[in-house]
Amino acid sequence: MIKRLKNISYTRLIALSFFGVILVGMIFLCLPFSTRDGSWTAPIDALFTATSATCVTGLVAYDTFTHWNVFGQLVILGLIQIGGLGFMTIISLFAIFMKKRIGLHERKILMVSSGNMRISGMIQLIRLIAAITFLCEGIGAIFLSFQFVPEMGWTRGIYNAIFHSISAFCNAGFDLMGRYPDGGGSLCRYGTNAYVLIVIAMLIIIGGIGFTIWTDVLEHKWKIRQYSLHSLVVLITTAVLITIGTLGYFVFEYKGNLALLTIPQKWLAAFFMSVTTRTAGFNAMNLNTLSPSGSLLTDILMLIGGSPGSTAGGMKTTTVAVMILSVWGMAKGNTDITVAKRRFNKDLIKHAAVIVFLYIVAVLVATMVICAMEGVEISGVLFETSSALGTAGLTQGLSGTAGLATKIILIILMYGGRIGGLSLLLVFAEKKTEAPLKRPAERIMIG
């Protein structure tokens, strides 16, 4: 059995580990001692919730606070933490704690799972990931407790602070604000609370930039020129996307969702929406009243997602950056794409193009099928499919009312979005040895 597992590709092992965690979570969530009223939860709804939590998405079949009791909520929180860090990272932490030896095979799996490009230093990276994760989640919980404890009391306040800090850092978007039925859902009741929104936004950003970025930041501090090309692309692209998103929401929702707010409050809400749409799943404004432009902007940001090797999903910031830079370079007639006096490997452009193509096709096909089955408008379905595939977790209500087939489609999209479009394709694709010859080349017209 062990020999067979070692013959499985690293990508398949990671995909199987996520699938195994989802199944275990589904079993726990099905049981009556996970719900407030002591009733059994339908397997499809338990599977939907377990997938959403493990894939750090945030789409829900039931409100997290009103349907699940504390045990059920802790199961969801555990799935979020495992899904955010990665199952192999969790297992390795236990091995390190128990002083067990981690072999070369396991180190290679960790390299793929964490998005690292080198196998050397993997154990140190895992320790760093764990330390920064728990440190950031702890600090976030402390800051949020200053807001929640006066509102809810010590026990509930601290519990809610820990839950929302982990959910934000892991870019999951699960919340317990269902305790306030008139609050508008998610973080809408804090829509003008700069303290809460900024703390949550910082947790989302730190968790979404990627584990390997932390090593560059800690090692080189403010010496940005010494950062790796990967770190530079991630940080610049993240800053640009947040800026564009903030400006977009400010303009598109100025007379809509933001109409009753002051100018500083408008900027705050626009900034938070720009951050949370890229895989986090919290919202501080009514998503059902978004303008058509604001809704389309949300779809785009959700599909882009966070950065490689992070707690976030989506196409990834680096994929979009590579595609934009390659198009710009091609328009200028350049054969090489360079950033900060460093050149992109040409295989990156091919991989980026494949990922973008897969995501667009998956969203369009899923949207068409769901529209045919549910009989609802395309804008709402596109919003939901983009949210699922980008593991964003924002919803306009379809997840809670969808039928069995629609939930299965959304489950597949969430799973694929967390594993990665190209990785999921590699799981099912059989690698074949290329023939030892080159076929004759011939040109065709494109464009």
Protein backbone atom coordinates (compact mmCIF):
# COMPACT_ATOMS: atom_id res chain seq x y z
CA MET A 1 0.00 0.00 0.00
CA ILE A 2 2.80 2.39 0.96
CA LYS A 3 4.70 1.56 -2.24
CA ARG A 4 1.60 2.32 -4.31
CA LEU A 5 1.18 5.69 -2.58
CA LYS A 6 4.81 6.54 -3.33
CA ASN A 7 4.20 5.85 -7.02
CA ILE A 8 1.33 8.36 -7.10
CA SER A 9 2.30 11.84 -8.31
CA TYR A 10 2.64 14.59 -5.73
CA THR A 11 -0.25 16.51 -7.28
CA ARG A 12 -2.55 13.50 -6.94
CA LEU A 13 -1.50 12.91 -3.34
CA ILE A 14 -2.34 16.52 -2.45
CA ALA A 15 -5.68 16.28 -4.27
CA LEU A 16 -6.48 13.00 -2.48
CA SER A 17 -5.53 14.45 0.91
CA PHE A 18 -7.96 17.34 0.42
CA PHE A 19 -10.64 14.90 -0.70
CA GLY A 20 -10.07 12.71 2.37
CA VAL A 21 -10.35 15.68 4.73
CA ILE A 22 -13.59 16.75 3.02
CA LEU A 23 -15.12 13.28 3.46
CA VAL A 24 -14.20 13.15 7.16
CA GLY A 25 -15.65 16.64 7.65
CA MET A 26 -18.85 15.64 5.83
CA ILE A 27 -19.36 12.64 8.12
CA PHE A 28 -19.02 14.79 11.24
CA LEU A 29 -21.34 17.49 9.89
CA CYS A 30 -24.00 14.94 8.94
CA LEU A 31 -24.37 13.76 12.54
CA PRO A 32 -27.12 15.19 14.77
CA PHE A 33 -24.73 16.35 17.52
CA SER A 34 -23.32 18.94 15.06
CA THR A 35 -26.59 20.87 14.70
CA ARG A 36 -28.47 23.14 17.10
CA ASP A 37 -31.77 21.28 16.86
CA GLY A 38 -30.19 17.81 16.99
CA SER A 39 -31.36 16.82 13.52
CA TRP A 40 -29.41 14.99 10.82
CA THR A 41 -28.01 17.17 8.05
CA ALA A 42 -28.56 16.01 4.47
CA PRO A 43 -25.34 14.44 3.10
CA ILE A 44 -25.24 16.82 0.12
CA ASP A 45 -25.48 19.87 2.42
CA ALA A 46 -22.84 18.44 4.77
CA LEU A 47 -20.59 17.70 1.76
CA PHE A 48 -21.19 21.22 0.41
CA THR A 49 -20.25 22.79 3.76
CA ALA A 50 -17.22 20.54 4.29
CA THR A 51 -15.94 21.28 0.77
CA SER A 52 -16.48 25.01 1.24
CA ALA A 53 -14.60 24.99 4.57
CA THR A 54 -11.71 22.76 3.43
CA CYS A 55 -11.34 24.68 0.17
CA VAL A 56 -11.54 27.93 2.22
CA THR A 57 -14.40 29.24 0.10
CA GLY A 58 -17.21 30.42 2.38
CA LEU A 59 -20.30 29.43 0.38
CA VAL A 60 -22.86 27.87 2.72
CA ALA A 61 -26.00 25.78 2.44
CA TYR A 62 -27.02 26.92 5.96
CA ASP A 63 -26.10 29.91 8.09
CA THR A 64 -23.08 28.86 10.16
CA PHE A 65 -24.38 30.27 13.45
CA THR A 66 -28.06 29.34 13.28
CA HIS A 67 -27.71 25.77 11.92
CA TRP A 68 -24.51 24.43 13.53
CA ASN A 69 -23.87 24.23 17.26
CA VAL A 70 -20.46 24.88 18.82
CA PHE A 71 -19.22 21.38 17.91
CA GLY A 72 -20.30 21.80 14.29
CA GLN A 73 -18.68 25.25 14.18
CA LEU A 74 -15.43 23.83 15.57
CA VAL A 75 -15.47 21.10 12.91
CA ILE A 76 -15.85 23.82 10.27
CA LEU A 77 -13.07 25.86 11.90
CA GLY A 78 -10.78 22.81 11.90
CA LEU A 79 -11.48 22.20 8.22
CA ILE A 80 -10.72 25.86 7.49
CA GLN A 81 -7.37 25.66 9.30
CA ILE A 82 -6.41 22.41 7.57
CA GLY A 83 -7.55 23.73 4.19
CA GLY A 84 -5.68 27.01 4.66
CA LEU A 85 -2.36 25.50 5.71
CA GLY A 86 -2.68 22.33 3.64
CA PHE A 87 -3.14 18.81 4.96
CA MET A 88 0.48 17.81 4.29
CA THR A 89 1.72 20.85 6.23
CA ILE A 90 -0.42 19.87 9.22
CA ILE A 91 0.89 16.29 9.13
CA SER A 92 4.47 17.56 8.89
CA LEU A 93 3.97 19.81 11.91
CA PHE A 94 2.91 16.79 13.94
CA ALA A 95 5.95 14.88 12.67
CA ILE A 96 8.26 17.74 13.64
CA PHE A 97 6.60 18.00 17.06
CA MET A 98 7.02 14.24 17.59
CA LYS A 99 10.61 14.48 16.31
CA LYS A 100 9.95 12.06 13.48
CA ARG A 101 12.18 12.01 10.41
CA ILE A 102 10.66 13.52 7.24
CA GLY A 103 12.02 11.77 4.15
CA LEU A 104 12.80 13.08 0.67
CA HIS A 105 9.44 11.88 -0.71
CA GLU A 106 7.53 13.79 1.96
CA ARG A 107 9.67 16.89 1.42
CA LYS A 108 8.82 16.87 -2.29
CA ILE A 109 5.11 16.68 -1.46
CA LEU A 110 5.52 19.61 0.91
CA MET A 111 7.35 21.59 -1.76
CA VAL A 112 4.42 21.20 -4.17
CA SER A 113 1.80 21.74 -1.45
CA SER A 114 3.35 24.96 -0.11
CA GLY A 115 4.07 26.40 -3.55
CA ASN A 116 7.81 26.48 -2.90
CA MET A 117 10.21 26.20 -5.83
CA ARG A 118 13.10 24.54 -3.96
CA ILE A 119 13.19 21.35 -1.92
CA SER A 120 16.00 22.65 0.29
CA GLY A 121 14.94 24.32 3.51
CA MET A 122 11.43 22.80 3.47
CA ILE A 123 11.40 21.94 7.18
CA GLN A 124 12.46 25.49 8.10
CA LEU A 125 9.75 26.84 5.79
CA ILE A 126 7.09 24.62 7.41
CA ARG A 127 8.13 25.89 10.84
CA LEU A 128 7.99 29.46 9.57
CA ILE A 129 4.55 28.91 8.02
CA ALA A 130 3.21 27.53 11.30
CA ALA A 131 4.78 30.26 13.41
CA ILE A 132 3.54 33.15 11.27
CA THR A 133 0.11 31.58 10.81
CA PHE A 134 -0.58 31.09 14.51
CA LEU A 135 1.06 34.40 15.39
CA CYS A 136 -1.06 36.38 12.91
CA GLU A 137 -4.24 34.52 13.86
CA GLY A 138 -3.48 35.12 17.54
CA ILE A 139 -2.78 38.83 17.09
CA GLY A 140 -5.88 39.16 14.90
CA ALA A 141 -7.99 37.45 17.58
CA ILE A 142 -6.65 39.82 20.25
CA PHE A 143 -7.49 42.89 18.17
CA LEU A 144 -10.97 41.59 17.28
CA SER A 145 -11.68 40.71 20.93
CA PHE A 146 -11.52 44.42 21.80
CA GLN A 147 -14.57 44.86 19.56
CA PHE A 148 -16.43 41.60 20.22
CA VAL A 149 -15.99 41.19 24.01
CA PRO A 150 -17.87 44.42 24.92
CA GLU A 151 -20.66 43.37 22.53
CA MET A 152 -20.97 39.66 23.37
CA GLY A 153 -19.31 39.11 26.73
CA TRP A 154 -15.99 37.44 27.50
CA THR A 155 -16.64 33.85 26.41
CA ARG A 156 -18.61 34.57 23.24
CA GLY A 157 -16.46 37.58 22.38
CA ILE A 158 -13.17 35.68 22.56
CA TYR A 159 -14.65 32.69 20.71
CA ASN A 160 -15.96 34.93 17.92
CA ALA A 161 -12.64 36.79 17.75
CA ILE A 162 -10.71 33.51 17.31
CA PHE A 163 -13.21 32.13 14.77
CA HIS A 164 -13.24 35.23 12.58
CA SER A 165 -9.46 35.73 12.82
CA ILE A 166 -8.78 32.18 11.56
CA SER A 167 -11.50 32.49 8.92
CA ALA A 168 -10.02 35.79 7.68
CA PHE A 169 -6.37 34.70 7.67
CA CYS A 170 -7.26 31.49 5.82
CA ASN A 171 -9.36 33.54 3.36
CA ALA A 172 -12.40 31.38 4.18
CA GLY A 173 -15.13 33.96 4.79
CA PHE A 174 -17.19 31.89 7.25
CA ASP A 175 -18.82 34.07 9.91
CA LEU A 176 -20.98 33.76 13.01
CA MET A 177 -22.92 36.99 12.53
CA GLY A 178 -26.15 35.06 12.03
CA ARG A 179 -26.67 35.79 15.75
CA TYR A 180 -27.76 39.25 14.55
CA PRO A 181 -30.64 38.55 12.11
CA ASP A 182 -31.11 42.25 11.36
CA GLY A 183 -27.39 42.82 10.70
CA GLY A 184 -27.55 42.21 6.94
CA GLY A 185 -25.33 39.10 6.99
CA SER A 186 -21.55 38.66 7.09
CA LEU A 187 -19.86 41.88 8.27
CA CYS A 188 -22.53 44.29 7.02
CA ARG A 189 -23.27 45.45 10.57
CA TYR A 190 -19.63 46.64 10.70
CA GLY A 191 -19.83 48.34 7.30
CA THR A 192 -18.70 51.68 8.75
CA ASN A 193 -16.46 50.29 11.51
CA ALA A 194 -12.93 51.05 10.31
CA TYR A 195 -11.34 49.10 13.18
CA VAL A 196 -12.99 45.76 12.40
CA LEU A 197 -12.76 46.06 8.62
CA ILE A 198 -9.07 47.03 8.61
CA VAL A 199 -8.11 44.19 11.02
CA ILE A 200 -9.99 41.65 8.88
CA ALA A 201 -8.53 43.13 5.66
CA MET A 202 -4.95 42.92 6.96
CA LEU A 203 -5.45 39.26 7.95
CA ILE A 204 -6.84 38.51 4.47
CA ILE A 205 -3.92 40.23 2.70
CA ILE A 206 -1.21 38.58 4.82
CA GLY A 207 -2.79 35.15 4.41
CA GLY A 208 -3.34 35.64 0.69
CA ILE A 209 0.10 36.76 -0.50
CA GLY A 210 1.71 33.32 -0.13
CA PHE A 211 3.95 31.54 2.33
CA THR A 212 7.17 31.95 0.35
CA ILE A 213 6.77 35.76 0.31
CA TRP A 214 7.16 35.81 4.07
CA THR A 215 10.70 34.41 3.86
CA ASP A 216 11.76 37.21 1.49
CA VAL A 217 10.17 39.89 3.66
CA LEU A 218 11.74 38.56 6.86
CA GLU A 219 15.16 38.00 5.27
CA HIS A 220 15.54 41.18 3.23
CA LYS A 221 13.19 43.55 5.11
CA TRP A 222 12.94 46.81 3.10
CA LYS A 223 15.68 45.85 0.60
CA ILE A 224 13.08 45.25 -2.10
CA ARG A 225 15.66 44.89 -4.89
CA GLN A 226 16.91 41.71 -3.22
CA TYR A 227 13.47 40.07 -3.33
CA SER A 228 12.95 37.16 -5.70
CA LEU A 229 11.13 37.81 -8.97
CA HIS A 230 8.18 35.81 -7.64
CA SER A 231 7.88 38.02 -4.56
CA LEU A 232 8.12 41.22 -6.59
CA VAL A 233 5.41 40.11 -9.01
CA VAL A 234 3.09 39.01 -6.20
CA LEU A 235 3.48 42.18 -4.13
CA ILE A 236 3.18 44.57 -7.07
CA THR A 237 0.21 42.74 -8.60
CA THR A 238 -1.57 42.53 -5.22
CA ALA A 239 -1.13 46.27 -4.64
CA VAL A 240 -2.33 47.10 -8.17
CA LEU A 241 -5.40 44.85 -7.89
CA ILE A 242 -6.38 46.31 -4.51
CA THR A 243 -5.99 49.85 -5.88
CA ILE A 244 -7.96 49.15 -9.08
CA GLY A 245 -10.66 47.33 -7.12
CA THR A 246 -10.99 50.16 -4.58
CA LEU A 247 -11.31 52.79 -7.32
CA GLY A 248 -13.76 50.60 -9.22
CA TYR A 249 -16.13 50.05 -6.28
CA PHE A 250 -15.88 53.71 -5.25
CA VAL A 251 -16.97 54.84 -8.73
CA PHE A 252 -19.48 52.09 -9.58
CA GLU A 253 -21.23 52.04 -6.20
CA TYR A 254 -20.94 55.76 -5.39
CA LYS A 255 -24.67 56.35 -5.96
CA GLY A 256 -25.66 52.77 -5.13
CA ASN A 257 -24.49 50.77 -2.10
CA LEU A 258 -22.26 53.64 -0.94
CA ALA A 259 -24.80 56.43 -1.45
CA LEU A 260 -25.64 56.97 2.25
CA LEU A 261 -22.02 56.91 3.48
CA THR A 262 -19.60 59.78 4.02
CA ILE A 263 -16.61 60.08 1.68
CA PRO A 264 -14.16 58.42 4.13
CA GLN A 265 -16.70 55.64 4.73
CA LYS A 266 -17.11 55.14 0.98
CA TRP A 267 -13.35 54.70 0.57
CA LEU A 268 -13.25 52.28 3.52
CA ALA A 269 -16.09 50.12 2.16
CA ALA A 270 -14.60 50.18 -1.37
CA PHE A 271 -11.17 49.17 -0.03
CA PHE A 272 -12.63 46.31 2.03
CA MET A 273 -14.65 45.00 -0.92
CA SER A 274 -11.56 45.13 -3.13
CA VAL A 275 -9.62 43.03 -0.60
CA THR A 276 -12.30 40.52 0.36
CA THR A 277 -13.55 39.72 -3.16
CA ARG A 278 -10.29 37.98 -4.04
CA THR A 279 -11.12 34.73 -2.19
CA ALA A 280 -11.92 35.96 1.35
CA GLY A 281 -15.73 35.80 1.28
CA PHE A 282 -16.66 38.46 3.84
CA ASN A 283 -18.79 41.36 2.71
CA ALA A 284 -19.66 44.71 4.25
CA MET A 285 -22.26 45.81 1.70
CA ASN A 286 -25.41 44.28 0.20
CA LEU A 287 -24.26 42.10 -2.70
CA ASN A 288 -27.78 41.74 -4.10
CA THR A 289 -27.94 45.47 -4.86
CA LEU A 290 -24.55 45.76 -6.58
CA SER A 291 -24.63 47.71 -9.83
CA PRO A 292 -24.06 45.66 -13.01
CA SER A 293 -20.55 47.15 -13.26
CA GLY A 294 -19.84 46.43 -9.59
CA SER A 295 -21.10 42.86 -9.97
CA LEU A 296 -18.90 42.23 -13.03
CA LEU A 297 -15.88 43.74 -11.26
CA THR A 298 -16.56 41.34 -8.39
CA ASP A 299 -16.69 38.38 -10.79
CA ILE A 300 -13.30 39.33 -12.24
CA LEU A 301 -11.60 39.84 -8.87
CA MET A 302 -13.03 36.57 -7.50
CA LEU A 303 -11.65 34.62 -10.45
CA ILE A 304 -8.20 36.20 -10.11
CA GLY A 305 -7.99 35.22 -6.44
CA GLY A 306 -4.88 35.34 -4.27
CA SER A 307 -1.27 34.27 -4.77
CA PRO A 308 0.38 30.84 -5.23
CA GLY A 309 1.32 28.89 -2.12
CA SER A 310 -1.11 30.87 0.05
CA THR A 311 -4.40 30.18 1.80
CA ALA A 312 -6.24 31.67 -1.20
CA GLY A 313 -7.61 30.15 -4.41
CA GLY A 314 -8.42 31.45 -7.89
CA MET A 315 -6.28 31.82 -11.01
CA LYS A 316 -3.65 33.56 -8.86
CA THR A 317 -2.10 36.99 -9.12
CA THR A 318 1.07 35.73 -10.81
CA THR A 319 -0.93 34.02 -13.58
CA VAL A 320 -2.71 37.26 -14.43
CA ALA A 321 0.52 39.26 -14.22
CA VAL A 322 2.33 36.88 -16.58
CA MET A 323 -0.53 37.02 -19.10
CA ILE A 324 -0.76 40.84 -19.04
CA LEU A 325 3.01 41.27 -19.32
CA SER A 326 3.25 38.74 -22.15
CA VAL A 327 0.49 40.49 -24.12
CA TRP A 328 2.18 43.84 -23.54
CA GLY A 329 5.56 42.44 -24.56
CA MET A 330 4.13 40.81 -27.69
CA ALA A 331 2.48 44.12 -28.65
CA LYS A 332 5.89 45.80 -28.39
CA GLY A 333 7.53 43.04 -30.43
CA ASN A 334 9.68 41.72 -27.57
CA THR A 335 10.67 38.05 -27.63
CA ASP A 336 11.49 37.98 -23.90
CA ILE A 337 9.34 39.20 -21.02
CA THR A 338 11.44 40.92 -18.34
CA VAL A 339 10.62 42.43 -14.96
CA ALA A 340 13.19 44.14 -12.71
CA LYS A 341 15.96 43.10 -15.12
CA ARG A 342 14.94 39.44 -14.82
CA ARG A 343 13.43 37.30 -17.57
CA PHE A 344 10.36 35.05 -17.38
CA ASN A 345 10.77 31.42 -18.40
CA LYS A 346 8.72 30.94 -21.61
CA ASP A 347 7.02 27.85 -20.15
CA LEU A 348 5.40 30.15 -17.61
CA ILE A 349 3.49 31.92 -20.37
CA LYS A 350 2.15 28.61 -21.69
CA HIS A 351 1.07 27.49 -18.23
CA ALA A 352 -0.56 30.86 -17.50
CA ALA A 353 -2.51 30.74 -20.77
CA VAL A 354 -3.73 27.19 -20.02
CA ILE A 355 -4.87 28.17 -16.50
CA VAL A 356 -6.77 31.26 -17.70
CA PHE A 357 -8.40 29.21 -20.46
CA LEU A 358 -9.44 26.45 -18.04
CA TYR A 359 -10.96 28.88 -15.55
CA ILE A 360 -12.92 30.80 -18.18
CA VAL A 361 -14.24 27.61 -19.80
CA ALA A 362 -15.16 26.09 -16.43
CA VAL A 363 -17.09 29.17 -15.33
CA LEU A 364 -18.92 29.57 -18.64
CA VAL A 365 -19.90 25.90 -18.91
CA ALA A 366 -21.02 25.73 -15.27
CA THR A 367 -23.00 28.96 -15.67
CA MET A 368 -24.80 27.71 -18.77
CA VAL A 369 -25.69 24.37 -17.15
CA ILE A 370 -26.93 25.95 -13.91
CA CYS A 371 -28.95 28.58 -15.80
CA ALA A 372 -30.68 25.78 -17.71
CA MET A 373 -31.46 23.83 -14.53
CA GLU A 374 -32.37 26.64 -12.13
CA GLY A 375 -34.07 29.02 -14.57
CA VAL A 376 -32.47 32.12 -13.02
CA GLU A 377 -30.73 35.13 -14.55
CA ILE A 378 -27.21 34.69 -15.84
CA SER A 379 -25.72 37.50 -13.72
CA GLY A 380 -26.59 35.76 -10.44
CA VAL A 381 -25.34 32.37 -11.64
CA LEU A 382 -22.11 33.84 -13.03
CA PHE A 383 -21.56 35.51 -9.66
CA GLU A 384 -21.99 32.18 -7.84
CA THR A 385 -19.81 30.10 -10.19
CA SER A 386 -17.04 32.72 -10.15
CA SER A 387 -17.23 32.76 -6.36
CA ALA A 388 -17.01 28.96 -6.16
CA LEU A 389 -14.14 28.51 -8.63
CA GLY A 390 -12.24 31.48 -7.18
CA THR A 391 -12.95 30.12 -3.64
CA ALA A 392 -14.21 33.59 -2.77
CA GLY A 393 -17.38 32.59 -0.93
CA LEU A 394 -19.42 35.66 -1.78
CA THR A 395 -23.00 34.85 -2.69
CA GLN A 396 -26.18 36.50 -3.89
CA GLY A 397 -28.29 33.71 -2.40
CA LEU A 398 -28.15 30.89 -4.95
CA SER A 399 -26.12 28.50 -2.74
CA GLY A 400 -28.82 28.35 -0.08
CA THR A 401 -31.67 27.62 -2.52
CA ALA A 402 -29.90 25.58 -5.20
CA GLY A 403 -30.95 22.07 -6.16
CA LEU A 404 -28.89 18.89 -5.84
CA ALA A 405 -27.26 19.06 -9.29
CA THR A 406 -26.33 22.73 -8.86
CA LYS A 407 -24.72 22.06 -5.48
CA ILE A 408 -22.68 19.21 -6.99
CA ILE A 409 -21.43 21.55 -9.73
CA LEU A 410 -20.50 24.20 -7.15
CA ILE A 411 -18.72 21.54 -5.04
CA ILE A 412 -16.63 20.51 -8.06
CA LEU A 413 -15.80 24.16 -8.79
CA MET A 414 -14.75 24.82 -5.18
CA TYR A 415 -12.56 21.72 -5.11
CA GLY A 416 -10.96 22.57 -8.46
CA GLY A 417 -10.42 26.18 -7.41
CA ARG A 418 -8.55 25.17 -4.24
CA ILE A 419 -6.46 22.42 -5.83
CA GLY A 420 -5.77 24.59 -8.88
CA GLY A 421 -7.14 24.28 -12.39
CA LEU A 422 -3.95 22.93 -13.95
CA SER A 423 -3.28 20.66 -10.96
CA LEU A 424 -6.77 19.18 -11.18
CA LEU A 425 -6.23 18.51 -14.88
CA LEU A 426 -2.93 16.75 -14.08
CA VAL A 427 -4.71 14.58 -11.49
CA PHE A 428 -6.85 12.98 -14.20
CA ALA A 429 -4.40 13.22 -17.07
CA GLU A 430 -2.10 10.28 -17.71
CA LYS A 431 1.44 11.32 -18.48
CA LYS A 432 2.69 9.73 -21.68
CA THR A 433 6.24 9.45 -22.92
CA GLU A 434 6.78 11.61 -25.98
CA ALA A 435 7.87 9.95 -29.18
CA PRO A 436 11.65 10.32 -29.79
CA LEU A 437 11.14 12.43 -32.91
CA LYS A 438 9.89 15.87 -33.89
CA ARG A 439 6.93 16.15 -36.25
CA PRO A 440 7.21 18.60 -39.15
CA ALA A 441 6.07 22.11 -38.19
CA GLU A 442 3.48 24.06 -40.17
CA ARG A 443 1.99 27.52 -39.60
CA ILE A 444 -1.71 28.35 -39.33
CA MET A 445 -3.34 31.76 -39.20
CA ILE A 446 -4.65 32.96 -35.82
CA GLY A 447 -5.99 36.23 -34.45
